[in-house]
Amino acid sequence: MKFLEKIRDYIRISGVAPIGRRYFIMNAFDGTTTILGIVIGAYAAEITNQFWVI
């Protein structure tokens, strides 16, 4: 448990939490738009077999 307490202290001291949250949200949005593009592209190409998309 001391290890986790050290990590929490380092995060608090460095102030990295807001930056980490921001990058997590940005990367989640990028991943979502990528998947949406793949799904829309497969629909536009009229691919009916999901194994072709994967």
PDB file of N, CA and C in Angstrom:
ATOM      1  N   MET A   1       0.806  -1.201   0.000  1.00  0.00           N
ATOM      2  CA  MET A   1       0.000   0.000   0.000  1.00  0.00           C
ATOM      3  C   MET A   1       0.851   1.267   0.000  1.00  0.00           C
ATOM      4  N   LYS A   2       2.047   1.186   0.547  1.00  0.00           N
ATOM      5  CA  LYS A   2       2.911   2.369   0.570  1.00  0.00           C
ATOM      6  C   LYS A   2       3.257   2.815  -0.846  1.00  0.00           C
ATOM      7  N   PHE A   3       3.366   1.835  -1.751  1.00  0.00           N
ATOM      8  CA  PHE A   3       3.678   2.176  -3.138  1.00  0.00           C
ATOM      9  C   PHE A   3       2.564   3.026  -3.743  1.00  0.00           C
ATOM     10  N   LEU A   4       1.317   2.635  -3.529  1.00  0.00           N
ATOM     11  CA  LEU A   4       0.186   3.402  -4.066  1.00  0.00           C
ATOM     12  C   LEU A   4       0.100   4.792  -3.432  1.00  0.00           C
ATOM     13  N   GLU A   5       0.403   4.887  -2.164  1.00  0.00           N
ATOM     14  CA  GLU A   5       0.410   6.191  -1.509  1.00  0.00           C
ATOM     15  C   GLU A   5       1.482   7.089  -2.096  1.00  0.00           C
ATOM     16  N   LYS A   6       2.637   6.512  -2.416  1.00  0.00           N
ATOM     17  CA  LYS A   6       3.712   7.282  -3.057  1.00  0.00           C
ATOM     18  C   LYS A   6       3.272   7.794  -4.422  1.00  0.00           C
ATOM     19  N   ILE A   7       2.636   6.915  -5.179  1.00  0.00           N
ATOM     20  CA  ILE A   7       2.168   7.306  -6.513  1.00  0.00           C
ATOM     21  C   ILE A   7       1.143   8.426  -6.400  1.00  0.00           C
ATOM     22  N   ARG A   8       0.215   8.311  -5.473  1.00  0.00           N
ATOM     23  CA  ARG A   8      -0.795   9.364  -5.270  1.00  0.00           C
ATOM     24  C   ARG A   8      -0.132  10.688  -4.896  1.00  0.00           C
ATOM     25  N   ASP A   9       0.874  10.629  -4.039  1.00  0.00           N
ATOM     26  CA  ASP A   9       1.594  11.846  -3.659  1.00  0.00           C
ATOM     27  C   ASP A   9       2.286  12.470  -4.861  1.00  0.00           C
ATOM     28  N   TYR A  10       2.940  11.654  -5.683  1.00  0.00           N
ATOM     29  CA  TYR A  10       3.625  12.167  -6.869  1.00  0.00           C
ATOM     30  C   TYR A  10       2.646  12.812  -7.845  1.00  0.00           C
ATOM     31  N   ILE A  11       1.481  12.185  -8.011  1.00  0.00           N
ATOM     32  CA  ILE A  11       0.459  12.744  -8.912  1.00  0.00           C
ATOM     33  C   ILE A  11      -0.041  14.077  -8.365  1.00  0.00           C
ATOM     34  N   ARG A  12      -0.277  14.139  -7.065  1.00  0.00           N
ATOM     35  CA  ARG A  12      -0.767  15.374  -6.447  1.00  0.00           C
ATOM     36  C   ARG A  12       0.277  16.482  -6.555  1.00  0.00           C
ATOM     37  N   ILE A  13       1.530  16.167  -6.269  1.00  0.00           N
ATOM     38  CA  ILE A  13       2.599  17.174  -6.299  1.00  0.00           C
ATOM     39  C   ILE A  13       2.836  17.686  -7.718  1.00  0.00           C
ATOM     40  N   SER A  14       2.848  16.772  -8.688  1.00  0.00           N
ATOM     41  CA  SER A  14       3.169  17.171 -10.063  1.00  0.00           C
ATOM     42  C   SER A  14       2.002  17.845 -10.780  1.00  0.00           C
ATOM     43  N   GLY A  15       0.772  17.602 -10.315  1.00  0.00           N
ATOM     44  CA  GLY A  15      -0.389  18.214 -10.968  1.00  0.00           C
ATOM     45  C   GLY A  15      -0.699  17.592 -12.317  1.00  0.00           C
ATOM     46  N   VAL A  16      -0.355  16.331 -12.493  1.00  0.00           N
ATOM     47  CA  VAL A  16      -0.532  15.670 -13.777  1.00  0.00           C
ATOM     48  C   VAL A  16      -1.964  15.166 -13.992  1.00  0.00           C
ATOM     49  N   ALA A  17      -2.782  15.113 -12.962  1.00  0.00           N
ATOM     50  CA  ALA A  17      -4.131  14.556 -13.076  1.00  0.00           C
ATOM     51  C   ALA A  17      -4.997  15.287 -14.109  1.00  0.00           C
ATOM     52  N   PRO A  18      -5.067  16.624 -14.110  1.00  0.00           N
ATOM     53  CA  PRO A  18      -5.909  17.290 -15.124  1.00  0.00           C
ATOM     54  C   PRO A  18      -5.426  17.034 -16.550  1.00  0.00           C
ATOM     55  N   ILE A  19      -4.124  16.996 -16.740  1.00  0.00           N
ATOM     56  CA  ILE A  19      -3.570  16.740 -18.073  1.00  0.00           C
ATOM     57  C   ILE A  19      -3.893  15.312 -18.490  1.00  0.00           C
ATOM     58  N   GLY A  20      -3.744  14.370 -17.557  1.00  0.00           N
ATOM     59  CA  GLY A  20      -4.063  12.974 -17.852  1.00  0.00           C
ATOM     60  C   GLY A  20      -5.514  12.782 -18.228  1.00  0.00           C
ATOM     61  N   ARG A  21      -6.408  13.449 -17.506  1.00  0.00           N
ATOM     62  CA  ARG A  21      -7.833  13.349 -17.845  1.00  0.00           C
ATOM     63  C   ARG A  21      -8.105  13.927 -19.230  1.00  0.00           C
ATOM     64  N   ARG A  22      -7.478  15.056 -19.533  1.00  0.00           N
ATOM     65  CA  ARG A  22      -7.696  15.691 -20.836  1.00  0.00           C
ATOM     66  C   ARG A  22      -7.255  14.774 -21.974  1.00  0.00           C
ATOM     67  N   TYR A  23      -6.079  14.179 -21.849  1.00  0.00           N
ATOM     68  CA  TYR A  23      -5.589  13.289 -22.902  1.00  0.00           C
ATOM     69  C   TYR A  23      -6.417  12.012 -22.991  1.00  0.00           C
ATOM     70  N   PHE A  24      -6.904  11.520 -21.857  1.00  0.00           N
ATOM     71  CA  PHE A  24      -7.780  10.343 -21.883  1.00  0.00           C
ATOM     72  C   PHE A  24      -9.036  10.642 -22.693  1.00  0.00           C
ATOM     73  N   ILE A  25      -9.658  11.780 -22.465  1.00  0.00           N
ATOM     74  CA  ILE A  25     -10.882  12.145 -23.186  1.00  0.00           C
ATOM     75  C   ILE A  25     -10.592  12.365 -24.665  1.00  0.00           C
ATOM     76  N   MET A  26      -9.508  13.069 -24.976  1.00  0.00           N
ATOM     77  CA  MET A  26      -9.173  13.319 -26.383  1.00  0.00           C
ATOM     78  C   MET A  26      -8.914  12.015 -27.128  1.00  0.00           C
ATOM     79  N   ASN A  27      -8.176  11.100 -26.518  1.00  0.00           N
ATOM     80  CA  ASN A  27      -7.876   9.835 -27.178  1.00  0.00           C
ATOM     81  C   ASN A  27      -9.111   8.952 -27.294  1.00  0.00           C
ATOM     82  N   ALA A  28      -9.997   9.014 -26.306  1.00  0.00           N
ATOM     83  CA  ALA A  28     -11.249   8.265 -26.403  1.00  0.00           C
ATOM     84  C   ALA A  28     -12.090   8.797 -27.560  1.00  0.00           C
ATOM     85  N   PHE A  29     -12.122  10.108 -27.722  1.00  0.00           N
ATOM     86  CA  PHE A  29     -12.868  10.698 -28.838  1.00  0.00           C
ATOM     87  C   PHE A  29     -12.248  10.302 -30.172  1.00  0.00           C
ATOM     88  N   ASP A  30     -10.918  10.308 -30.270  1.00  0.00           N
ATOM     89  CA  ASP A  30     -10.245   9.891 -31.506  1.00  0.00           C
ATOM     90  C   ASP A  30     -10.566   8.439 -31.841  1.00  0.00           C
ATOM     91  N   GLY A  31     -10.549   7.578 -30.845  1.00  0.00           N
ATOM     92  CA  GLY A  31     -10.877   6.176 -31.070  1.00  0.00           C
ATOM     93  C   GLY A  31     -12.315   5.988 -31.511  1.00  0.00           C
ATOM     94  N   THR A  32     -13.208   6.762 -30.907  1.00  0.00           N
ATOM     95  CA  THR A  32     -14.622   6.671 -31.272  1.00  0.00           C
ATOM     96  C   THR A  32     -14.847   7.105 -32.712  1.00  0.00           C
ATOM     97  N   THR A  33     -14.230   8.190 -33.121  1.00  0.00           N
ATOM     98  CA  THR A  33     -14.402   8.640 -34.509  1.00  0.00           C
ATOM     99  C   THR A  33     -13.772   7.663 -35.498  1.00  0.00           C
ATOM    100  N   THR A  34     -12.692   7.009 -35.113  1.00  0.00           N
ATOM    101  CA  THR A  34     -12.077   6.000 -35.984  1.00  0.00           C
ATOM    102  C   THR A  34     -13.020   4.821 -36.189  1.00  0.00           C
ATOM    103  N   ILE A  35     -13.578   4.320 -35.095  1.00  0.00           N
ATOM    104  CA  ILE A  35     -14.506   3.194 -35.194  1.00  0.00           C
ATOM    105  C   ILE A  35     -15.750   3.581 -35.982  1.00  0.00           C
ATOM    106  N   LEU A  36     -16.245   4.787 -35.761  1.00  0.00           N
ATOM    107  CA  LEU A  36     -17.415   5.254 -36.514  1.00  0.00           C
ATOM    108  C   LEU A  36     -17.103   5.312 -38.008  1.00  0.00           C
ATOM    109  N   GLY A  37     -15.906   5.754 -38.356  1.00  0.00           N
ATOM    110  CA  GLY A  37     -15.511   5.793 -39.765  1.00  0.00           C
ATOM    111  C   GLY A  37     -15.448   4.406 -40.382  1.00  0.00           C
ATOM    112  N   ILE A  38     -14.955   3.441 -39.624  1.00  0.00           N
ATOM    113  CA  ILE A  38     -14.890   2.065 -40.132  1.00  0.00           C
ATOM    114  C   ILE A  38     -16.291   1.506 -40.345  1.00  0.00           C
ATOM    115  N   VAL A  39     -17.174   1.751 -39.386  1.00  0.00           N
ATOM    116  CA  VAL A  39     -18.546   1.235 -39.496  1.00  0.00           C
ATOM    117  C   VAL A  39     -19.282   1.892 -40.663  1.00  0.00           C
ATOM    118  N   ILE A  40     -19.161   3.205 -40.807  1.00  0.00           N
ATOM    119  CA  ILE A  40     -19.839   3.901 -41.907  1.00  0.00           C
ATOM    120  C   ILE A  40     -19.246   3.474 -43.253  1.00  0.00           C
ATOM    121  N   GLY A  41     -17.932   3.280 -43.301  1.00  0.00           N
ATOM    122  CA  GLY A  41     -17.305   2.819 -44.539  1.00  0.00           C
ATOM    123  C   GLY A  41     -17.769   1.429 -44.928  1.00  0.00           C
ATOM    124  N   ALA A  42     -17.896   0.545 -43.951  1.00  0.00           N
ATOM    125  CA  ALA A  42     -18.382  -0.806 -44.235  1.00  0.00           C
ATOM    126  C   ALA A  42     -19.839  -0.766 -44.710  1.00  0.00           C
ATOM    127  N   TYR A  43     -20.626   0.107 -44.113  1.00  0.00           N
ATOM    128  CA  TYR A  43     -22.023   0.245 -44.534  1.00  0.00           C
ATOM    129  C   TYR A  43     -22.103   0.806 -45.952  1.00  0.00           C
ATOM    130  N   ALA A  44     -21.272   1.804 -46.241  1.00  0.00           N
ATOM    131  CA  ALA A  44     -21.284   2.415 -47.578  1.00  0.00           C
ATOM    132  C   ALA A  44     -20.814   1.431 -48.641  1.00  0.00           C
ATOM    133  N   ALA A  45     -19.897   0.533 -48.270  1.00  0.00           N
ATOM    134  CA  ALA A  45     -19.397  -0.469 -49.217  1.00  0.00           C
ATOM    135  C   ALA A  45     -20.313  -1.690 -49.272  1.00  0.00           C
ATOM    136  N   GLU A  46     -21.391  -1.657 -48.488  1.00  0.00           N
ATOM    137  CA  GLU A  46     -22.383  -2.727 -48.437  1.00  0.00           C
ATOM    138  C   GLU A  46     -21.758  -4.076 -48.080  1.00  0.00           C
ATOM    139  N   ILE A  47     -20.879  -4.050 -47.096  1.00  0.00           N
ATOM    140  CA  ILE A  47     -20.264  -5.281 -46.604  1.00  0.00           C
ATOM    141  C   ILE A  47     -21.225  -5.902 -45.599  1.00  0.00           C
ATOM    142  N   THR A  48     -21.639  -7.124 -45.853  1.00  0.00           N
ATOM    143  CA  THR A  48     -22.600  -7.782 -44.975  1.00  0.00           C
ATOM    144  C   THR A  48     -21.941  -8.772 -44.019  1.00  0.00           C
ATOM    145  N   ASN A  49     -20.737  -9.193 -44.302  1.00  0.00           N
ATOM    146  CA  ASN A  49     -20.027 -10.139 -43.447  1.00  0.00           C
ATOM    147  C   ASN A  49     -19.102  -9.370 -42.514  1.00  0.00           C
ATOM    148  N   GLN A  50     -19.353  -9.452 -41.189  1.00  0.00           N
ATOM    149  CA  GLN A  50     -18.577  -8.666 -40.250  1.00  0.00           C
ATOM    150  C   GLN A  50     -17.111  -9.084 -40.206  1.00  0.00           C
ATOM    151  N   PHE A  51     -16.780 -10.292 -40.628  1.00  0.00           N
ATOM    152  CA  PHE A  51     -15.388 -10.736 -40.604  1.00  0.00           C
ATOM    153  C   PHE A  51     -14.539  -9.978 -41.627  1.00  0.00           C
ATOM    154  N   TRP A  52     -15.147  -9.457 -42.671  1.00  0.00           N
ATOM    155  CA  TRP A  52     -14.415  -8.635 -43.631  1.00  0.00           C
ATOM    156  C   TRP A  52     -14.022  -7.302 -43.013  1.00  0.00           C
ATOM    157  N   VAL A  53     -14.834  -6.806 -42.115  1.00  0.00           N
ATOM    158  CA  VAL A  53     -14.546  -5.524 -41.468  1.00  0.00           C
ATOM    159  C   VAL A  53     -13.462  -5.705 -40.398  1.00  0.00           C
ATOM    160  N   ILE A  54     -13.567  -6.781 -39.623  1.00  0.00           N
ATOM    161  CA  ILE A  54     -12.614  -7.011 -38.560  1.00  0.00           C
ATOM    162  C   ILE A  54     -11.280  -7.350 -39.144  1.00  0.00           C
TER     163      ILE A  54
END
